[in-house]
Amino acid sequence: MDIRETTIFIIKGKVQGVYYRVSIQRAAQKVGFNGYVKNLPNGDVEAGVYCKKENLEKFVKILKLGSSSSKVKRITRKKSELLLSKGFEIRS
């Protein structure tokens, strides 16, 4: 069974101004994830992904790894009804 769902993540830590979004986009595209990553006004980063449930932890690993200059302190997640199916983009 091919169950796919959209999950939205909020990433806290040193994640803005350190090439975090670009690193997430490149890694996600390499694996074939659909979704987005964007900076939030409060200094956090939001990422959304649409994938099979069994691939969700692969995406979390990408978020934790980030860029060489980033430092992820906490990641929270929630399910969403958004349909993200056109590649992986950086949003502003």
PDB file of N, CA and C in Angstrom:
ATOM      1  N   MET A   1       0.842  -1.189   0.000  1.00  0.00           N
ATOM      2  CA  MET A   1       0.000   0.000   0.000  1.00  0.00           C
ATOM      3  C   MET A   1       0.887   1.253   0.000  1.00  0.00           C
ATOM      4  N   ASP A   2       0.546   2.195  -0.847  1.00  0.00           N
ATOM      5  CA  ASP A   2       1.352   3.405  -1.028  1.00  0.00           C
ATOM      6  C   ASP A   2       0.684   4.580  -0.310  1.00  0.00           C
ATOM      7  N   ILE A   3       0.846   4.642   0.999  1.00  0.00           N
ATOM      8  CA  ILE A   3       0.236   5.720   1.780  1.00  0.00           C
ATOM      9  C   ILE A   3       1.208   6.884   1.860  1.00  0.00           C
ATOM     10  N   ARG A   4       0.787   8.013   1.320  1.00  0.00           N
ATOM     11  CA  ARG A   4       1.600   9.222   1.369  1.00  0.00           C
ATOM     12  C   ARG A   4       0.867  10.264   2.199  1.00  0.00           C
ATOM     13  N   GLU A   5       1.651  11.106   2.854  1.00  0.00           N
ATOM     14  CA  GLU A   5       1.049  12.168   3.652  1.00  0.00           C
ATOM     15  C   GLU A   5       1.973  13.375   3.659  1.00  0.00           C
ATOM     16  N   THR A   6       1.397  14.508   3.994  1.00  0.00           N
ATOM     17  CA  THR A   6       2.173  15.738   4.115  1.00  0.00           C
ATOM     18  C   THR A   6       2.415  16.014   5.592  1.00  0.00           C
ATOM     19  N   THR A   7       3.669  16.332   5.893  1.00  0.00           N
ATOM     20  CA  THR A   7       4.051  16.681   7.258  1.00  0.00           C
ATOM     21  C   THR A   7       4.775  18.020   7.220  1.00  0.00           C
ATOM     22  N   ILE A   8       4.429  18.897   8.143  1.00  0.00           N
ATOM     23  CA  ILE A   8       5.079  20.202   8.274  1.00  0.00           C
ATOM     24  C   ILE A   8       5.981  20.157   9.504  1.00  0.00           C
ATOM     25  N   PHE A   9       7.211  20.619   9.328  1.00  0.00           N
ATOM     26  CA  PHE A   9       8.195  20.629  10.408  1.00  0.00           C
ATOM     27  C   PHE A   9       8.583  22.065  10.738  1.00  0.00           C
ATOM     28  N   ILE A  10       8.813  22.346  12.015  1.00  0.00           N
ATOM     29  CA  ILE A  10       9.394  23.611  12.462  1.00  0.00           C
ATOM     30  C   ILE A  10      10.755  23.262  13.051  1.00  0.00           C
ATOM     31  N   ILE A  11      11.796  23.892  12.511  1.00  0.00           N
ATOM     32  CA  ILE A  11      13.157  23.612  12.933  1.00  0.00           C
ATOM     33  C   ILE A  11      13.683  24.812  13.692  1.00  0.00           C
ATOM     34  N   LYS A  12      14.131  24.570  14.919  1.00  0.00           N
ATOM     35  CA  LYS A  12      14.659  25.632  15.777  1.00  0.00           C
ATOM     36  C   LYS A  12      16.151  25.433  15.962  1.00  0.00           C
ATOM     37  N   GLY A  13      16.859  26.540  16.127  1.00  0.00           N
ATOM     38  CA  GLY A  13      18.297  26.498  16.339  1.00  0.00           C
ATOM     39  C   GLY A  13      18.976  27.533  15.462  1.00  0.00           C
ATOM     40  N   LYS A  14      20.226  27.280  15.144  1.00  0.00           N
ATOM     41  CA  LYS A  14      20.980  28.165  14.247  1.00  0.00           C
ATOM     42  C   LYS A  14      20.727  27.666  12.825  1.00  0.00           C
ATOM     43  N   VAL A  15      19.626  28.155  12.231  1.00  0.00           N
ATOM     44  CA  VAL A  15      19.189  27.626  10.941  1.00  0.00           C
ATOM     45  C   VAL A  15      18.929  28.707   9.888  1.00  0.00           C
ATOM     46  N   GLN A  16      19.173  29.962  10.225  1.00  0.00           N
ATOM     47  CA  GLN A  16      19.052  31.016   9.223  1.00  0.00           C
ATOM     48  C   GLN A  16      20.413  31.664   9.023  1.00  0.00           C
ATOM     49  N   GLY A  17      20.726  31.990   7.755  1.00  0.00           N
ATOM     50  CA  GLY A  17      21.984  32.630   7.430  1.00  0.00           C
ATOM     51  C   GLY A  17      23.165  31.669   7.421  1.00  0.00           C
ATOM     52  N   VAL A  18      22.884  30.357   7.343  1.00  0.00           N
ATOM     53  CA  VAL A  18      23.958  29.352   7.379  1.00  0.00           C
ATOM     54  C   VAL A  18      23.796  28.315   6.255  1.00  0.00           C
ATOM     55  N   TYR A  19      23.124  28.709   5.168  1.00  0.00           N
ATOM     56  CA  TYR A  19      22.879  27.840   4.002  1.00  0.00           C
ATOM     57  C   TYR A  19      22.040  26.612   4.349  1.00  0.00           C
ATOM     58  N   TYR A  20      21.248  26.707   5.393  1.00  0.00           N
ATOM     59  CA  TYR A  20      20.412  25.584   5.814  1.00  0.00           C
ATOM     60  C   TYR A  20      19.376  25.223   4.746  1.00  0.00           C
ATOM     61  N   ARG A  21      18.650  26.218   4.241  1.00  0.00           N
ATOM     62  CA  ARG A  21      17.594  25.932   3.265  1.00  0.00           C
ATOM     63  C   ARG A  21      18.151  25.313   1.996  1.00  0.00           C
ATOM     64  N   VAL A  22      19.264  25.835   1.509  1.00  0.00           N
ATOM     65  CA  VAL A  22      19.878  25.294   0.288  1.00  0.00           C
ATOM     66  C   VAL A  22      20.322  23.848   0.516  1.00  0.00           C
ATOM     67  N   SER A  23      20.902  23.586   1.670  1.00  0.00           N
ATOM     68  CA  SER A  23      21.351  22.226   1.987  1.00  0.00           C
ATOM     69  C   SER A  23      20.171  21.256   2.050  1.00  0.00           C
ATOM     70  N   ILE A  24      19.081  21.698   2.665  1.00  0.00           N
ATOM     71  CA  ILE A  24      17.884  20.856   2.752  1.00  0.00           C
ATOM     72  C   ILE A  24      17.318  20.605   1.360  1.00  0.00           C
ATOM     73  N   GLN A  25      17.230  21.660   0.562  1.00  0.00           N
ATOM     74  CA  GLN A  25      16.690  21.507  -0.789  1.00  0.00           C
ATOM     75  C   GLN A  25      17.512  20.514  -1.602  1.00  0.00           C
ATOM     76  N   ARG A  26      18.822  20.656  -1.607  1.00  0.00           N
ATOM     77  CA  ARG A  26      19.688  19.764  -2.401  1.00  0.00           C
ATOM     78  C   ARG A  26      19.560  18.313  -1.957  1.00  0.00           C
ATOM     79  N   ALA A  27      19.594  18.090  -0.651  1.00  0.00           N
ATOM     80  CA  ALA A  27      19.497  16.720  -0.134  1.00  0.00           C
ATOM     81  C   ALA A  27      18.119  16.120  -0.440  1.00  0.00           C
ATOM     82  N   ALA A  28      17.072  16.916  -0.284  1.00  0.00           N
ATOM     83  CA  ALA A  28      15.712  16.431  -0.540  1.00  0.00           C
ATOM     84  C   ALA A  28      15.513  16.124  -2.023  1.00  0.00           C
ATOM     85  N   GLN A  29      16.053  16.965  -2.896  1.00  0.00           N
ATOM     86  CA  GLN A  29      15.935  16.730  -4.334  1.00  0.00           C
ATOM     87  C   GLN A  29      16.685  15.466  -4.736  1.00  0.00           C
ATOM     88  N   LYS A  30      17.842  15.256  -4.135  1.00  0.00           N
ATOM     89  CA  LYS A  30      18.652  14.084  -4.457  1.00  0.00           C
ATOM     90  C   LYS A  30      17.895  12.792  -4.156  1.00  0.00           C
ATOM     91  N   VAL A  31      17.130  12.790  -3.069  1.00  0.00           N
ATOM     92  CA  VAL A  31      16.366  11.613  -2.666  1.00  0.00           C
ATOM     93  C   VAL A  31      15.026  11.539  -3.409  1.00  0.00           C
ATOM     94  N   GLY A  32      14.548  12.683  -3.913  1.00  0.00           N
ATOM     95  CA  GLY A  32      13.289  12.703  -4.657  1.00  0.00           C
ATOM     96  C   GLY A  32      12.083  13.126  -3.843  1.00  0.00           C
ATOM     97  N   PHE A  33      12.300  13.836  -2.752  1.00  0.00           N
ATOM     98  CA  PHE A  33      11.177  14.324  -1.940  1.00  0.00           C
ATOM     99  C   PHE A  33      10.483  15.495  -2.623  1.00  0.00           C
ATOM    100  N   ASN A  34       9.192  15.628  -2.376  1.00  0.00           N
ATOM    101  CA  ASN A  34       8.413  16.784  -2.798  1.00  0.00           C
ATOM    102  C   ASN A  34       8.125  17.629  -1.572  1.00  0.00           C
ATOM    103  N   GLY A  35       8.279  18.958  -1.717  1.00  0.00           N
ATOM    104  CA  GLY A  35       7.978  19.822  -0.593  1.00  0.00           C
ATOM    105  C   GLY A  35       8.641  21.175  -0.722  1.00  0.00           C
ATOM    106  N   TYR A  36       8.897  21.788   0.437  1.00  0.00           N
ATOM    107  CA  TYR A  36       9.459  23.137   0.460  1.00  0.00           C
ATOM    108  C   TYR A  36      10.190  23.370   1.771  1.00  0.00           C
ATOM    109  N   VAL A  37      10.977  24.430   1.784  1.00  0.00           N
ATOM    110  CA  VAL A  37      11.636  24.905   2.999  1.00  0.00           C
ATOM    111  C   VAL A  37      11.620  26.421   2.953  1.00  0.00           C
ATOM    112  N   LYS A  38      11.364  27.065   4.102  1.00  0.00           N
ATOM    113  CA  LYS A  38      11.332  28.534   4.118  1.00  0.00           C
ATOM    114  C   LYS A  38      11.719  29.059   5.497  1.00  0.00           C
ATOM    115  N   ASN A  39      12.274  30.257   5.507  1.00  0.00           N
ATOM    116  CA  ASN A  39      12.582  30.957   6.754  1.00  0.00           C
ATOM    117  C   ASN A  39      11.307  31.533   7.351  1.00  0.00           C
ATOM    118  N   LEU A  40      11.246  31.543   8.666  1.00  0.00           N
ATOM    119  CA  LEU A  40      10.145  32.186   9.371  1.00  0.00           C
ATOM    120  C   LEU A  40      10.663  33.464  10.030  1.00  0.00           C
ATOM    121  N   PRO A  41       9.793  34.454  10.237  1.00  0.00           N
ATOM    122  CA  PRO A  41      10.227  35.738  10.803  1.00  0.00           C
ATOM    123  C   PRO A  41      10.886  35.631  12.181  1.00  0.00           C
ATOM    124  N   ASN A  42      10.573  34.596  12.945  1.00  0.00           N
ATOM    125  CA  ASN A  42      11.113  34.467  14.300  1.00  0.00           C
ATOM    126  C   ASN A  42      12.485  33.788  14.355  1.00  0.00           C
ATOM    127  N   GLY A  43      13.068  33.462  13.204  1.00  0.00           N
ATOM    128  CA  GLY A  43      14.385  32.827  13.172  1.00  0.00           C
ATOM    129  C   GLY A  43      14.345  31.321  12.990  1.00  0.00           C
ATOM    130  N   ASP A  44      13.166  30.739  13.029  1.00  0.00           N
ATOM    131  CA  ASP A  44      13.020  29.307  12.787  1.00  0.00           C
ATOM    132  C   ASP A  44      12.917  29.056  11.284  1.00  0.00           C
ATOM    133  N   VAL A  45      12.910  27.795  10.918  1.00  0.00           N
ATOM    134  CA  VAL A  45      12.702  27.391   9.529  1.00  0.00           C
ATOM    135  C   VAL A  45      11.523  26.424   9.507  1.00  0.00           C
ATOM    136  N   GLU A  46      10.689  26.556   8.472  1.00  0.00           N
ATOM    137  CA  GLU A  46       9.577  25.632   8.259  1.00  0.00           C
ATOM    138  C   GLU A  46       9.890  24.787   7.040  1.00  0.00           C
ATOM    139  N   ALA A  47       9.606  23.497   7.133  1.00  0.00           N
ATOM    140  CA  ALA A  47       9.777  22.602   5.993  1.00  0.00           C
ATOM    141  C   ALA A  47       8.550  21.725   5.885  1.00  0.00           C
ATOM    142  N   GLY A  48       8.105  21.521   4.665  1.00  0.00           N
ATOM    143  CA  GLY A  48       6.977  20.635   4.414  1.00  0.00           C
ATOM    144  C   GLY A  48       7.406  19.555   3.459  1.00  0.00           C
ATOM    145  N   VAL A  49       6.943  18.336   3.672  1.00  0.00           N
ATOM    146  CA  VAL A  49       7.302  17.236   2.786  1.00  0.00           C
ATOM    147  C   VAL A  49       6.082  16.347   2.563  1.00  0.00           C
ATOM    148  N   TYR A  50       5.967  15.849   1.341  1.00  0.00           N
ATOM    149  CA  TYR A  50       4.915  14.920   0.964  1.00  0.00           C
ATOM    150  C   TYR A  50       5.612  13.635   0.547  1.00  0.00           C
ATOM    151  N   CYS A  51       5.429  12.573   1.330  1.00  0.00           N
ATOM    152  CA  CYS A  51       6.138  11.330   1.033  1.00  0.00           C
ATOM    153  C   CYS A  51       5.426  10.147   1.671  1.00  0.00           C
ATOM    154  N   LYS A  52       5.923   8.953   1.354  1.00  0.00           N
ATOM    155  CA  LYS A  52       5.438   7.738   1.998  1.00  0.00           C
ATOM    156  C   LYS A  52       5.810   7.799   3.470  1.00  0.00           C
ATOM    157  N   LYS A  53       4.935   7.259   4.304  1.00  0.00           N
ATOM    158  CA  LYS A  53       5.178   7.272   5.750  1.00  0.00           C
ATOM    159  C   LYS A  53       6.525   6.659   6.113  1.00  0.00           C
ATOM    160  N   GLU A  54       6.905   5.590   5.412  1.00  0.00           N
ATOM    161  CA  GLU A  54       8.157   4.914   5.752  1.00  0.00           C
ATOM    162  C   GLU A  54       9.402   5.723   5.375  1.00  0.00           C
ATOM    163  N   ASN A  55       9.242   6.759   4.553  1.00  0.00           N
ATOM    164  CA  ASN A  55      10.375   7.615   4.186  1.00  0.00           C
ATOM    165  C   ASN A  55      10.487   8.873   5.046  1.00  0.00           C
ATOM    166  N   LEU A  56       9.564   9.080   5.944  1.00  0.00           N
ATOM    167  CA  LEU A  56       9.529  10.298   6.746  1.00  0.00           C
ATOM    168  C   LEU A  56      10.782  10.465   7.606  1.00  0.00           C
ATOM    169  N   GLU A  57      11.275   9.392   8.179  1.00  0.00           N
ATOM    170  CA  GLU A  57      12.467   9.498   9.029  1.00  0.00           C
ATOM    171  C   GLU A  57      13.715   9.838   8.220  1.00  0.00           C
ATOM    172  N   LYS A  58      13.747   9.463   6.937  1.00  0.00           N
ATOM    173  CA  LYS A  58      14.857   9.877   6.066  1.00  0.00           C
ATOM    174  C   LYS A  58      14.880  11.399   5.933  1.00  0.00           C
ATOM    175  N   PHE A  59      13.695  11.980   5.810  1.00  0.00           N
ATOM    176  CA  PHE A  59      13.610  13.433   5.703  1.00  0.00           C
ATOM    177  C   PHE A  59      14.020  14.095   7.023  1.00  0.00           C
ATOM    178  N   VAL A  60      13.620  13.524   8.135  1.00  0.00           N
ATOM    179  CA  VAL A  60      14.014  14.073   9.445  1.00  0.00           C
ATOM    180  C   VAL A  60      15.534  14.063   9.574  1.00  0.00           C
ATOM    181  N   LYS A  61      16.191  13.026   9.095  1.00  0.00           N
ATOM    182  CA  LYS A  61      17.658  12.964   9.136  1.00  0.00           C
ATOM    183  C   LYS A  61      18.271  14.089   8.323  1.00  0.00           C
ATOM    184  N   ILE A  62      17.668  14.394   7.168  1.00  0.00           N
ATOM    185  CA  ILE A  62      18.133  15.517   6.342  1.00  0.00           C
ATOM    186  C   ILE A  62      18.000  16.824   7.124  1.00  0.00           C
ATOM    187  N   LEU A  63      16.862  17.010   7.798  1.00  0.00           N
ATOM    188  CA  LEU A  63      16.641  18.227   8.580  1.00  0.00           C
ATOM    189  C   LEU A  63      17.647  18.345   9.720  1.00  0.00           C
ATOM    190  N   LYS A  64      17.940  17.239  10.382  1.00  0.00           N
ATOM    191  CA  LYS A  64      18.893  17.256  11.496  1.00  0.00           C
ATOM    192  C   LYS A  64      20.302  17.560  11.014  1.00  0.00           C
ATOM    193  N   LEU A  65      20.676  17.018   9.873  1.00  0.00           N
ATOM    194  CA  LEU A  65      22.018  17.228   9.330  1.00  0.00           C
ATOM    195  C   LEU A  65      22.220  18.675   8.906  1.00  0.00           C
ATOM    196  N   GLY A  66      21.259  19.224   8.170  1.00  0.00           N
ATOM    197  CA  GLY A  66      21.325  20.627   7.744  1.00  0.00           C
ATOM    198  C   GLY A  66      22.578  20.945   6.964  1.00  0.00           C
ATOM    199  N   SER A  67      23.171  22.089   7.250  1.00  0.00           N
ATOM    200  CA  SER A  67      24.413  22.504   6.604  1.00  0.00           C
ATOM    201  C   SER A  67      25.557  22.373   7.604  1.00  0.00           C
ATOM    202  N   SER A  68      26.772  22.550   7.112  1.00  0.00           N
ATOM    203  CA  SER A  68      27.928  22.410   8.007  1.00  0.00           C
ATOM    204  C   SER A  68      27.956  23.491   9.083  1.00  0.00           C
ATOM    205  N   SER A  69      27.303  24.635   8.842  1.00  0.00           N
ATOM    206  CA  SER A  69      27.301  25.734   9.816  1.00  0.00           C
ATOM    207  C   SER A  69      26.042  25.791  10.678  1.00  0.00           C
ATOM    208  N   SER A  70      25.057  24.965  10.367  1.00  0.00           N
ATOM    209  CA  SER A  70      23.804  25.021  11.132  1.00  0.00           C
ATOM    210  C   SER A  70      23.914  24.187  12.407  1.00  0.00           C
ATOM    211  N   LYS A  71      23.011  24.495  13.338  1.00  0.00           N
ATOM    212  CA  LYS A  71      22.932  23.739  14.587  1.00  0.00           C
ATOM    213  C   LYS A  71      21.461  23.600  14.947  1.00  0.00           C
ATOM    214  N   VAL A  72      20.901  22.428  14.681  1.00  0.00           N
ATOM    215  CA  VAL A  72      19.492  22.175  14.953  1.00  0.00           C
ATOM    216  C   VAL A  72      19.324  21.814  16.419  1.00  0.00           C
ATOM    217  N   LYS A  73      18.448  22.552  17.100  1.00  0.00           N
ATOM    218  CA  LYS A  73      18.190  22.292  18.520  1.00  0.00           C
ATOM    219  C   LYS A  73      16.927  21.466  18.725  1.00  0.00           C
ATOM    220  N   ARG A  74      15.902  21.748  17.915  1.00  0.00           N
ATOM    221  CA  ARG A  74      14.631  21.050  18.103  1.00  0.00           C
ATOM    222  C   ARG A  74      13.839  21.033  16.805  1.00  0.00           C
ATOM    223  N   ILE A  75      13.142  19.924  16.581  1.00  0.00           N
ATOM    224  CA  ILE A  75      12.268  19.784  15.418  1.00  0.00           C
ATOM    225  C   ILE A  75      10.904  19.315  15.915  1.00  0.00           C
ATOM    226  N   THR A  76       9.869  20.064  15.534  1.00  0.00           N
ATOM    227  CA  THR A  76       8.504  19.632  15.838  1.00  0.00           C
ATOM    228  C   THR A  76       7.803  19.343  14.522  1.00  0.00           C
ATOM    229  N   ARG A  77       6.765  18.532  14.583  1.00  0.00           N
ATOM    230  CA  ARG A  77       6.053  18.170  13.355  1.00  0.00           C
ATOM    231  C   ARG A  77       4.558  18.086  13.573  1.00  0.00           C
ATOM    232  N   LYS A  78       3.836  18.293  12.467  1.00  0.00           N
ATOM    233  CA  LYS A  78       2.384  18.122  12.480  1.00  0.00           C
ATOM    234  C   LYS A  78       1.947  17.709  11.084  1.00  0.00           C
ATOM    235  N   LYS A  79       0.880  16.957  11.031  1.00  0.00           N
ATOM    236  CA  LYS A  79       0.323  16.539   9.745  1.00  0.00           C
ATOM    237  C   LYS A  79      -0.403  17.710   9.115  1.00  0.00           C
ATOM    238  N   SER A  80      -0.491  17.672   7.787  1.00  0.00           N
ATOM    239  CA  SER A  80      -1.148  18.746   7.052  1.00  0.00           C
ATOM    240  C   SER A  80      -1.959  18.151   5.907  1.00  0.00           C
ATOM    241  N   GLU A  81      -2.918  18.913   5.437  1.00  0.00           N
ATOM    242  CA  GLU A  81      -3.733  18.505   4.292  1.00  0.00           C
ATOM    243  C   GLU A  81      -3.173  19.039   2.972  1.00  0.00           C
ATOM    244  N   LEU A  82      -2.084  19.821   3.040  1.00  0.00           N
ATOM    245  CA  LEU A  82      -1.472  20.359   1.826  1.00  0.00           C
ATOM    246  C   LEU A  82      -1.025  19.236   0.906  1.00  0.00           C
ATOM    247  N   LEU A  83      -1.120  19.461  -0.393  1.00  0.00           N
ATOM    248  CA  LEU A  83      -0.598  18.514  -1.361  1.00  0.00           C
ATOM    249  C   LEU A  83       0.654  19.132  -1.976  1.00  0.00           C
ATOM    250  N   LEU A  84       1.798  18.538  -1.707  1.00  0.00           N
ATOM    251  CA  LEU A  84       3.084  19.050  -2.180  1.00  0.00           C
ATOM    252  C   LEU A  84       3.669  18.014  -3.138  1.00  0.00           C
ATOM    253  N   SER A  85       3.464  18.223  -4.431  1.00  0.00           N
ATOM    254  CA  SER A  85       3.870  17.168  -5.367  1.00  0.00           C
ATOM    255  C   SER A  85       4.630  17.668  -6.584  1.00  0.00           C
ATOM    256  N   LYS A  86       5.320  18.784  -6.474  1.00  0.00           N
ATOM    257  CA  LYS A  86       6.029  19.325  -7.643  1.00  0.00           C
ATOM    258  C   LYS A  86       7.480  19.656  -7.311  1.00  0.00           C
ATOM    259  N   GLY A  87       8.264  18.687  -6.894  1.00  0.00           N
ATOM    260  CA  GLY A  87       9.651  18.941  -6.597  1.00  0.00           C
ATOM    261  C   GLY A  87       9.831  19.532  -5.215  1.00  0.00           C
ATOM    262  N   PHE A  88      11.022  20.004  -4.942  1.00  0.00           N
ATOM    263  CA  PHE A  88      11.337  20.573  -3.623  1.00  0.00           C
ATOM    264  C   PHE A  88      11.894  21.967  -3.813  1.00  0.00           C
ATOM    265  N   GLU A  89      11.212  22.968  -3.225  1.00  0.00           N
ATOM    266  CA  GLU A  89      11.578  24.359  -3.486  1.00  0.00           C
ATOM    267  C   GLU A  89      11.901  25.136  -2.220  1.00  0.00           C
ATOM    268  N   ILE A  90      12.644  26.210  -2.410  1.00  0.00           N
ATOM    269  CA  ILE A  90      12.883  27.171  -1.348  1.00  0.00           C
ATOM    270  C   ILE A  90      11.846  28.260  -1.503  1.00  0.00           C
ATOM    271  N   ARG A  91      11.087  28.510  -0.456  1.00  0.00           N
ATOM    272  CA  ARG A  91      10.078  29.571  -0.481  1.00  0.00           C
ATOM    273  C   ARG A  91      10.550  30.747   0.335  1.00  0.00           C
ATOM    274  N   SER A  92      10.025  31.934  -0.034  1.00  0.00           N
ATOM    275  CA  SER A  92      10.397  33.126   0.735  1.00  0.00           C
ATOM    276  C   SER A  92       9.218  33.612   1.547  1.00  0.00           C
TER     277      SER A  92
END
